[in-house]
C-alpha cells in the first residue's frame, strides 16, 4: 500500500497544476488524503464504491475507482464536473494506480528477499517467485551486512539506501534496528574473480565512507562469499553474520571483515562452550588467564605479532632481551608451554582466542 505521504504529495502536485481539489478515500468513504474540502465526500464515495461503474459524476463531483490486483483499494474524488475535470481525474487515477502497483511490487520484492535471506523458501518457490518479480536468478551476488553502534543518532537504513541508489539492481533491507543488509549484484562474471573482489572492495569501502559522513560510529561491515545463483544468497547472508560476530570477538579494530579472512577464528566460533572449557582446563590446569601479571599478556601479544622474534619484541617493548626471556620462562613455568617453540606458541595462541570467545559468549548470553 502506498504511504499517505506519497499520496498527499501526488495530489498536492496535481492541484498545483490544475487548481482543482482532489481527495482519496478508502472504499468506505473514509478520507485518506485530500487537498481541500469536497462536499458530501464520505457518503458519495461509499455509495460509489458499491456501484458497478468505474467512474461517475455525483452531485457535481467526479469519482473514480482505483484497483490493486483486481481488488478495490481507493476512491479518487475530484471537485467539479465537465470534460476537463474528468480528464484530470482519469490522469490522477492512472497515477495513483501506477504508484499502487509499484509499491506492491516493492513490498513483494522486499518480502521475497527477506524470506530468501532467512532461508524460509522452498527451492521451487525461490525460482518461481524470482521469475514473477523479475529478479534474475543466475547472476553472482554477495551479501553485505552493515551496522553502527549509534543507530539512534542516524538513520542507517536510509544512509545505506542512498549509497546504493546508484546501483538499482542491489537490494537493501533492515533485519533489525542495528543491522542493514545489502544484497549486491556483481557486474563481473565468475571467470574474473579478481574483478569481483575489486568490485566488492570498492562497494564496502564506499559504504564505510558514506556511514562515516553520516556521523556513524562503531561501524562494522561484513560480507559473505559470492553466491553464483539466487538460491545461495541465504548462505552468503549466514556467512556475513558469522563474519560480523567473529569480527567483534577477534578483530575489534577492523571495520570491514570478509568471511574468507576469518582464519582460525571461524573454527573457534563454531566450537561448543563445554568443549572450550575442557580445552582451557587442560591447557592452563585450572588457572585463570586473568591471574597472569598485567605485563604478561601484552608481552605475549607483541611476541606473536613479531613472529616469535625475541630481539624485535624486546626492542618494541623497550625492555632488555633478558627481561623478555625471563617473562617467557615465567609463562613456561606457569603453563608448561614454551612460546619460543612453534607448536607451544600455536597452542597458547589458540587458547587465548578460545578464552576471548568464551568471554564474549558469556557477556552476550548466547
Protein backbone atom coordinates (compact mmCIF):
# COMPACT_ATOMS: atom_id res chain seq x y z
CA UNK A 1 0.00 0.00 0.00
CA UNK A 2 1.20 3.50 -0.85
CA UNK A 3 2.24 5.66 2.08
CA UNK A 4 -0.08 8.58 2.86
CA UNK A 5 2.86 10.94 2.49
CA UNK A 6 3.40 9.86 -1.14
CA UNK A 7 -0.33 10.09 -1.88
CA UNK A 8 -0.55 13.57 -0.39
CA UNK A 9 2.46 14.78 -2.37
CA UNK A 10 0.91 13.40 -5.57
CA UNK A 11 -2.42 15.15 -5.02
CA UNK A 12 -0.71 18.40 -4.00
CA UNK A 13 1.30 18.32 -7.21
CA UNK A 14 -1.81 17.74 -9.33
CA UNK A 15 -3.68 20.55 -7.57
CA UNK A 16 -0.80 22.98 -8.12
CA UNK A 17 -1.08 22.29 -11.85
CA UNK A 18 -4.88 22.07 -12.31
CA UNK A 19 -6.01 24.24 -9.36
CA UNK A 20 -8.72 21.71 -8.51
CA UNK A 21 -9.18 19.95 -5.16
CA UNK A 22 -8.75 16.18 -5.05
CA UNK A 23 -9.20 13.54 -2.37
CA UNK A 24 -8.53 9.84 -1.91
CA UNK A 25 -10.75 7.72 0.34
CA UNK A 26 -10.96 4.06 1.21
CA UNK A 27 -13.94 2.04 -0.14
CA UNK A 28 -15.96 3.00 2.98
CA UNK A 29 -15.58 6.70 2.23
CA UNK A 30 -13.05 7.47 4.96
CA UNK A 31 -10.65 10.17 3.77
CA UNK A 32 -7.05 9.02 3.36
CA UNK A 33 -5.61 12.27 1.96
CA UNK A 34 -7.07 15.40 0.41
CA UNK A 35 -6.09 18.86 -0.84
CA UNK A 36 -9.26 20.55 0.38
CA UNK A 37 -12.91 20.02 1.30
CA UNK A 38 -15.21 18.21 -1.15
CA UNK A 39 -18.86 18.36 -0.05
CA UNK A 40 -20.61 15.06 0.62
CA UNK A 41 -17.37 13.16 0.07
CA UNK A 42 -17.80 10.36 2.65
CA UNK A 43 -21.35 9.33 1.69
CA UNK A 44 -20.91 9.81 -2.05
CA UNK A 45 -17.63 7.87 -2.14
CA UNK A 46 -19.04 4.93 -0.16
CA UNK A 47 -22.15 4.82 -2.37
CA UNK A 48 -20.00 4.94 -5.50
CA UNK A 49 -17.85 2.09 -4.18
CA UNK A 50 -20.87 -0.25 -4.23
CA UNK A 51 -21.88 0.69 -7.78
CA UNK A 52 -20.82 -1.19 -10.89
CA UNK A 53 -19.32 1.90 -12.57
CA UNK A 54 -15.58 2.62 -12.62
CA UNK A 55 -16.14 6.38 -12.88
CA UNK A 56 -19.16 8.52 -12.14
CA UNK A 57 -20.27 12.12 -11.64
CA UNK A 58 -22.10 12.55 -8.32
CA UNK A 59 -23.54 15.86 -7.14
CA UNK A 60 -21.21 17.89 -9.31
CA UNK A 61 -18.01 15.98 -8.46
CA UNK A 62 -16.14 13.24 -10.34
CA UNK A 63 -15.39 9.87 -8.72
CA UNK A 64 -13.01 7.12 -9.92
CA UNK A 65 -12.21 3.63 -8.67
CA UNK A 66 -8.61 2.53 -8.16
CA UNK A 67 -7.84 -1.19 -8.01
CA UNK A 68 -4.93 -3.16 -6.64
CA UNK A 69 -4.68 -6.65 -8.12
CA UNK A 70 -8.39 -6.54 -9.09
CA UNK A 71 -9.43 -5.54 -5.57
CA UNK A 72 -10.91 -2.08 -4.95
CA UNK A 73 -8.34 -0.15 -2.92
CA UNK A 74 -9.17 3.57 -3.23
CA UNK A 75 -11.80 6.02 -4.41
CA UNK A 76 -10.44 9.17 -6.07
CA UNK A 77 -12.67 12.26 -5.93
CA UNK A 78 -12.16 15.42 -7.99
CA UNK A 79 -14.09 18.58 -7.16
CA UNK A 80 -16.15 19.83 -10.09
CA UNK A 81 -17.63 18.45 -13.30
CA UNK A 82 -17.06 18.73 -17.02
CA UNK A 83 -14.70 17.27 -19.62
CA UNK A 84 -11.55 18.90 -18.23
CA UNK A 85 -12.22 17.71 -14.69
CA UNK A 86 -12.97 14.21 -15.99
CA UNK A 87 -9.69 14.13 -17.92
CA UNK A 88 -7.78 15.34 -14.86
CA UNK A 89 -9.46 12.65 -12.78
CA UNK A 90 -8.55 9.91 -15.25
CA UNK A 91 -4.93 11.07 -15.22
CA UNK A 92 -4.84 11.27 -11.42
CA UNK A 93 -6.45 7.81 -11.09
CA UNK A 94 -3.87 6.38 -13.51
CA UNK A 95 -1.05 7.98 -11.49
CA UNK A 96 -2.31 6.59 -8.17
CA UNK A 97 -2.92 3.18 -9.80
CA UNK A 98 0.66 3.12 -11.11
CA UNK A 99 2.01 4.09 -7.70
CA UNK A 100 -0.05 1.35 -6.08
CA UNK A 101 1.35 -1.29 -8.45
CA UNK A 102 4.92 -0.06 -7.97
CA UNK A 103 4.62 -0.08 -4.18
CA UNK A 104 3.03 -3.53 -4.18
CA UNK A 105 5.90 -4.87 -6.31
CA UNK A 106 8.38 -3.21 -3.98
CA UNK A 107 6.67 -4.74 -0.95
CA UNK A 108 6.52 -8.16 -2.61
CA UNK A 109 10.20 -7.94 -3.55
CA UNK A 110 11.13 -6.85 -0.03
CA UNK A 111 9.17 -9.78 1.39
CA UNK A 112 10.79 -12.17 -1.10
CA UNK A 113 14.35 -11.12 -0.27
CA UNK A 114 13.77 -11.19 3.48
CA UNK A 115 12.41 -14.73 3.29
CA UNK A 116 15.25 -15.66 0.95
CA UNK A 117 17.86 -14.34 3.40
CA UNK A 118 16.24 -16.15 6.32
CA UNK A 119 16.03 -19.39 4.32
CA UNK A 120 12.24 -19.52 4.61
CA UNK A 121 11.52 -20.51 0.99
CA UNK A 122 11.41 -23.87 -0.73
CA UNK A 123 13.74 -24.22 -3.69
CA UNK A 124 10.87 -24.35 -6.18
CA UNK A 125 9.34 -21.20 -4.64
CA UNK A 126 12.61 -19.28 -4.90
CA UNK A 127 12.77 -19.59 -8.67
CA UNK A 128 9.05 -19.18 -9.35
CA UNK A 129 8.76 -16.03 -7.20
CA UNK A 130 12.01 -14.61 -8.61
CA UNK A 131 10.56 -15.02 -12.10
CA UNK A 132 7.31 -13.24 -11.16
CA UNK A 133 9.20 -10.35 -9.55
CA UNK A 134 11.63 -10.05 -12.47
CA UNK A 135 14.60 -10.92 -10.27
CA UNK A 136 17.38 -12.50 -12.33
CA UNK A 137 18.32 -15.78 -10.67
CA UNK A 138 21.65 -16.68 -12.25
CA UNK A 139 23.80 -13.60 -11.62
CA UNK A 140 26.52 -13.51 -8.92
CA UNK A 141 25.59 -11.72 -5.71
CA UNK A 142 27.20 -11.12 -2.35
CA UNK A 143 25.51 -10.22 0.93
CA UNK A 144 26.95 -7.27 2.85
CA UNK A 145 25.97 -6.59 6.47
CA UNK A 146 26.39 -3.05 7.80
CA UNK A 147 25.96 -1.94 11.40
CA UNK A 148 26.80 1.01 13.61
CA UNK A 149 26.69 1.46 17.38
CA UNK A 150 24.87 4.83 17.30
CA UNK A 151 21.75 3.85 15.34
CA UNK A 152 19.61 6.24 17.42
CA UNK A 153 21.56 9.22 16.12
CA UNK A 154 21.46 8.37 12.41
CA UNK A 155 19.11 6.53 10.05
CA UNK A 156 21.50 3.79 8.96
CA UNK A 157 18.91 2.19 6.63
CA UNK A 158 18.34 5.46 4.79
CA UNK A 159 22.08 6.09 4.60
CA UNK A 160 22.72 2.68 3.04
CA UNK A 161 19.79 3.10 0.64
CA UNK A 162 21.10 6.46 -0.50
CA UNK A 163 24.52 4.93 -1.06
CA UNK A 164 23.02 2.07 -3.10
CA UNK A 165 20.79 4.36 -5.17
CA UNK A 166 23.33 4.32 -7.99
CA UNK A 167 23.02 0.52 -8.14
CA UNK A 168 19.30 -0.09 -8.76
CA UNK A 169 19.71 -3.87 -9.00
CA UNK A 170 21.01 -4.10 -5.43
CA UNK A 171 18.50 -4.86 -2.67
CA UNK A 172 18.63 -3.12 0.71
CA UNK A 173 16.61 -4.07 3.78
CA UNK A 174 16.76 -3.82 7.57
CA UNK A 175 16.99 -7.05 9.52
CA UNK A 176 16.73 -5.35 12.91
CA UNK A 177 17.34 -1.88 14.39
CA UNK A 178 21.13 -2.30 14.24
CA UNK A 179 21.80 -4.24 11.04
CA UNK A 180 21.18 -3.36 7.40
CA UNK A 181 21.61 -5.96 4.67
CA UNK A 182 22.69 -5.23 1.10
CA UNK A 183 22.24 -7.99 -1.47
CA UNK A 184 24.74 -6.73 -4.00
CA UNK A 185 24.54 -7.86 -7.62
CA UNK A 186 28.01 -8.15 -9.13
CA UNK A 187 28.78 -6.99 -12.64
CA UNK A 188 31.93 -9.07 -13.04
CA UNK A 189 31.47 -12.68 -14.18
CA UNK A 190 32.61 -15.76 -12.27
CA UNK A 191 35.61 -16.28 -14.55
CA UNK A 192 37.05 -12.95 -13.39
CA UNK A 193 37.33 -13.37 -9.60
CA UNK A 194 39.88 -10.57 -9.25
CA UNK A 195 37.36 -8.14 -10.77
CA UNK A 196 34.64 -9.41 -8.43
CA UNK A 197 36.94 -8.88 -5.44
CA UNK A 198 37.74 -5.36 -6.62
CA UNK A 199 34.03 -4.61 -7.05
CA UNK A 200 33.27 -5.80 -3.51
CA UNK A 201 36.21 -3.84 -2.06
CA UNK A 202 35.03 -0.68 -3.79
CA UNK A 203 31.46 -1.15 -2.54
CA UNK A 204 32.39 -1.92 1.09
CA UNK A 205 34.89 0.93 1.32
CA UNK A 206 32.39 3.31 -0.27
CA UNK A 207 29.72 2.18 2.17
CA UNK A 208 32.04 2.74 5.11
CA UNK A 209 32.82 6.27 3.91
CA UNK A 210 29.10 7.00 3.47
CA UNK A 211 28.40 5.90 7.04
CA UNK A 212 31.32 7.97 8.36
CA UNK A 213 29.99 11.06 6.54
CA UNK A 214 26.57 10.42 8.09
CA UNK A 215 28.16 10.50 11.55
CA UNK A 216 28.09 6.77 12.29
CA UNK A 217 30.46 5.35 14.89
CA UNK A 218 31.27 1.78 15.78
CA UNK A 219 30.98 0.80 12.12
CA UNK A 220 31.23 -2.88 11.20
CA UNK A 221 30.81 -4.05 7.62
CA UNK A 222 30.93 -7.79 6.98
CA UNK A 223 30.32 -9.79 3.85
CA UNK A 224 30.00 -13.44 2.89
CA UNK A 225 31.33 -15.34 -0.10
CA UNK A 226 29.88 -14.87 -3.57
CA UNK A 227 26.59 -16.63 -4.37
CA UNK A 228 26.63 -17.71 -8.01
CA UNK A 229 22.84 -18.01 -8.13
CA UNK A 230 19.90 -16.82 -6.11
CA UNK A 231 19.37 -19.98 -4.06
CA UNK A 232 22.82 -19.42 -2.46
CA UNK A 233 22.06 -15.90 -1.21
CA UNK A 234 20.94 -17.22 2.20
CA UNK A 235 24.31 -18.96 2.58
CA UNK A 236 26.16 -15.70 1.84
CA UNK A 237 23.96 -13.95 4.44
CA UNK A 238 24.77 -16.54 7.12
CA UNK A 239 28.46 -16.15 6.32
CA UNK A 240 28.21 -12.36 6.59
CA UNK A 241 26.53 -12.69 10.01
CA UNK A 242 29.27 -15.05 11.16
CA UNK A 243 31.93 -12.67 9.85
CA UNK A 244 30.34 -9.82 11.83
CA UNK A 245 30.22 -11.89 15.03
CA UNK A 246 33.75 -13.27 14.67
CA UNK A 247 34.97 -9.77 13.83
CA UNK A 248 33.53 -8.39 17.06
CA UNK A 249 35.40 -11.07 19.03
CA UNK A 250 38.79 -11.30 17.34
CA UNK A 251 39.09 -8.25 15.06
CA UNK A 252 37.77 -5.33 17.10
CA UNK A 253 39.88 -2.79 15.22
CA UNK A 254 38.80 -3.88 11.72
CA UNK A 255 35.81 -2.09 10.24
CA UNK A 256 35.48 -4.28 7.14
CA UNK A 257 35.58 -8.05 7.59
CA UNK A 258 35.35 -10.77 4.93
CA UNK A 259 34.12 -14.25 5.73
CA UNK A 260 37.06 -15.63 3.75
CA UNK A 261 39.51 -13.78 6.03
CA UNK A 262 38.34 -15.09 9.40
CA UNK A 263 41.06 -17.74 9.64
CA UNK A 264 41.08 -19.86 12.77
CA UNK A 265 38.58 -17.52 14.42
CA UNK A 266 35.85 -19.06 12.24
CA UNK A 267 36.70 -22.52 13.59
CA UNK A 268 36.77 -21.41 17.22
CA UNK A 269 33.44 -19.59 16.83
CA UNK A 270 31.76 -22.88 15.97
CA UNK A 271 33.11 -24.78 18.97
CA UNK A 272 30.63 -25.71 21.73
CA UNK A 273 31.30 -23.93 25.03
CA UNK A 274 31.70 -27.16 27.10
CA UNK A 275 34.48 -28.28 24.75
CA UNK A 276 36.15 -24.88 25.09
CA UNK A 277 36.06 -25.12 28.88
CA UNK A 278 37.62 -28.57 28.74
CA UNK A 279 40.38 -27.35 26.41
CA UNK A 280 41.23 -24.35 28.61
CA UNK A 281 41.26 -26.51 31.74
CA UNK A 282 43.75 -28.86 30.09
CA UNK A 283 46.00 -26.05 28.85
CA UNK A 284 46.04 -23.86 31.96
CA UNK A 285 45.47 -26.62 34.52
CA UNK A 286 42.54 -24.80 36.11
CA UNK A 287 44.33 -21.45 36.29
CA UNK A 288 42.56 -18.28 35.20
CA UNK A 289 44.31 -16.35 32.45
CA UNK A 290 43.24 -13.11 34.15
CA UNK A 291 45.51 -14.04 37.07
CA UNK A 292 48.63 -13.50 34.94
CA UNK A 293 50.74 -10.43 35.70
CA UNK A 294 49.47 -7.35 33.86
CA UNK A 295 52.60 -7.15 31.69
CA UNK A 296 52.43 -10.80 30.58
CA UNK A 297 49.54 -10.66 28.09
CA UNK A 298 50.80 -7.54 26.25
CA UNK A 299 54.21 -9.22 26.07
CA UNK A 300 52.67 -12.36 24.56
CA UNK A 301 50.65 -10.36 22.03
CA UNK A 302 53.75 -8.42 20.90
CA UNK A 303 55.80 -11.64 20.77
CA UNK A 304 53.22 -13.26 18.46
CA UNK A 305 52.96 -10.06 16.41
CA UNK A 306 56.70 -10.26 15.74
CA UNK A 307 56.60 -13.95 14.72
CA UNK A 308 58.32 -15.19 17.93
CA UNK A 309 61.33 -12.93 17.38
CA UNK A 310 62.83 -12.22 20.80
CA UNK A 311 65.13 -9.37 19.73
CA UNK A 312 62.49 -7.43 17.80
CA UNK A 313 59.88 -7.93 20.53
CA UNK A 314 62.18 -6.65 23.28
CA UNK A 315 63.09 -3.66 21.11
CA UNK A 316 59.45 -2.71 20.51
CA UNK A 317 58.55 -3.20 24.17
CA UNK A 318 61.57 -1.07 25.23
CA UNK A 319 62.80 -3.80 27.58
CA UNK A 320 66.06 -5.70 27.82
CA UNK A 321 66.25 -9.00 25.98
CA UNK A 322 66.89 -10.82 29.27
CA UNK A 323 63.72 -9.28 30.72
CA UNK A 324 61.71 -10.75 27.86
CA UNK A 325 63.39 -14.12 28.27
CA UNK A 326 62.55 -14.01 31.98
CA UNK A 327 58.89 -13.37 31.20
CA UNK A 328 58.78 -16.21 28.66
CA UNK A 329 60.40 -18.54 31.21
CA UNK A 330 57.77 -17.46 33.72
CA UNK A 331 54.97 -18.34 31.27
CA UNK A 332 56.60 -21.72 30.64
CA UNK A 333 56.82 -22.41 34.36
CA UNK A 334 53.16 -21.46 34.86
CA UNK A 335 51.62 -23.23 31.85
CA UNK A 336 54.22 -25.75 30.70
CA UNK A 337 54.27 -24.05 27.28
CA UNK A 338 57.48 -22.58 25.85
CA UNK A 339 56.34 -19.83 23.49
CA UNK A 340 59.70 -19.92 21.70
CA UNK A 341 58.69 -23.33 20.36
CA UNK A 342 56.31 -23.08 17.43
CA UNK A 343 53.92 -25.87 18.50
CA UNK A 344 53.61 -24.46 22.03
CA UNK A 345 53.12 -20.94 20.64
CA UNK A 346 50.28 -22.16 18.39
CA UNK A 347 48.63 -23.93 21.32
CA UNK A 348 48.86 -20.83 23.51
CA UNK A 349 47.58 -18.55 20.72
CA UNK A 350 44.54 -20.77 20.21
CA UNK A 351 43.94 -20.88 23.96
CA UNK A 352 43.95 -17.08 24.14
CA UNK A 353 41.43 -16.91 21.31
CA UNK A 354 39.22 -19.54 22.96
CA UNK A 355 39.22 -17.57 26.22
CA UNK A 356 38.27 -14.43 24.32
CA UNK A 357 35.46 -16.30 22.59
CA UNK A 358 34.13 -17.69 25.86
CA UNK A 359 34.12 -14.25 27.47
CA UNK A 360 32.24 -12.77 24.53
CA UNK A 361 29.64 -15.53 24.58
CA UNK A 362 29.14 -15.17 28.32
CA UNK A 363 28.82 -11.39 28.07
CA UNK A 364 26.21 -11.63 25.34
CA UNK A 365 24.48 -14.64 26.92
CA UNK A 366 24.32 -16.75 23.79
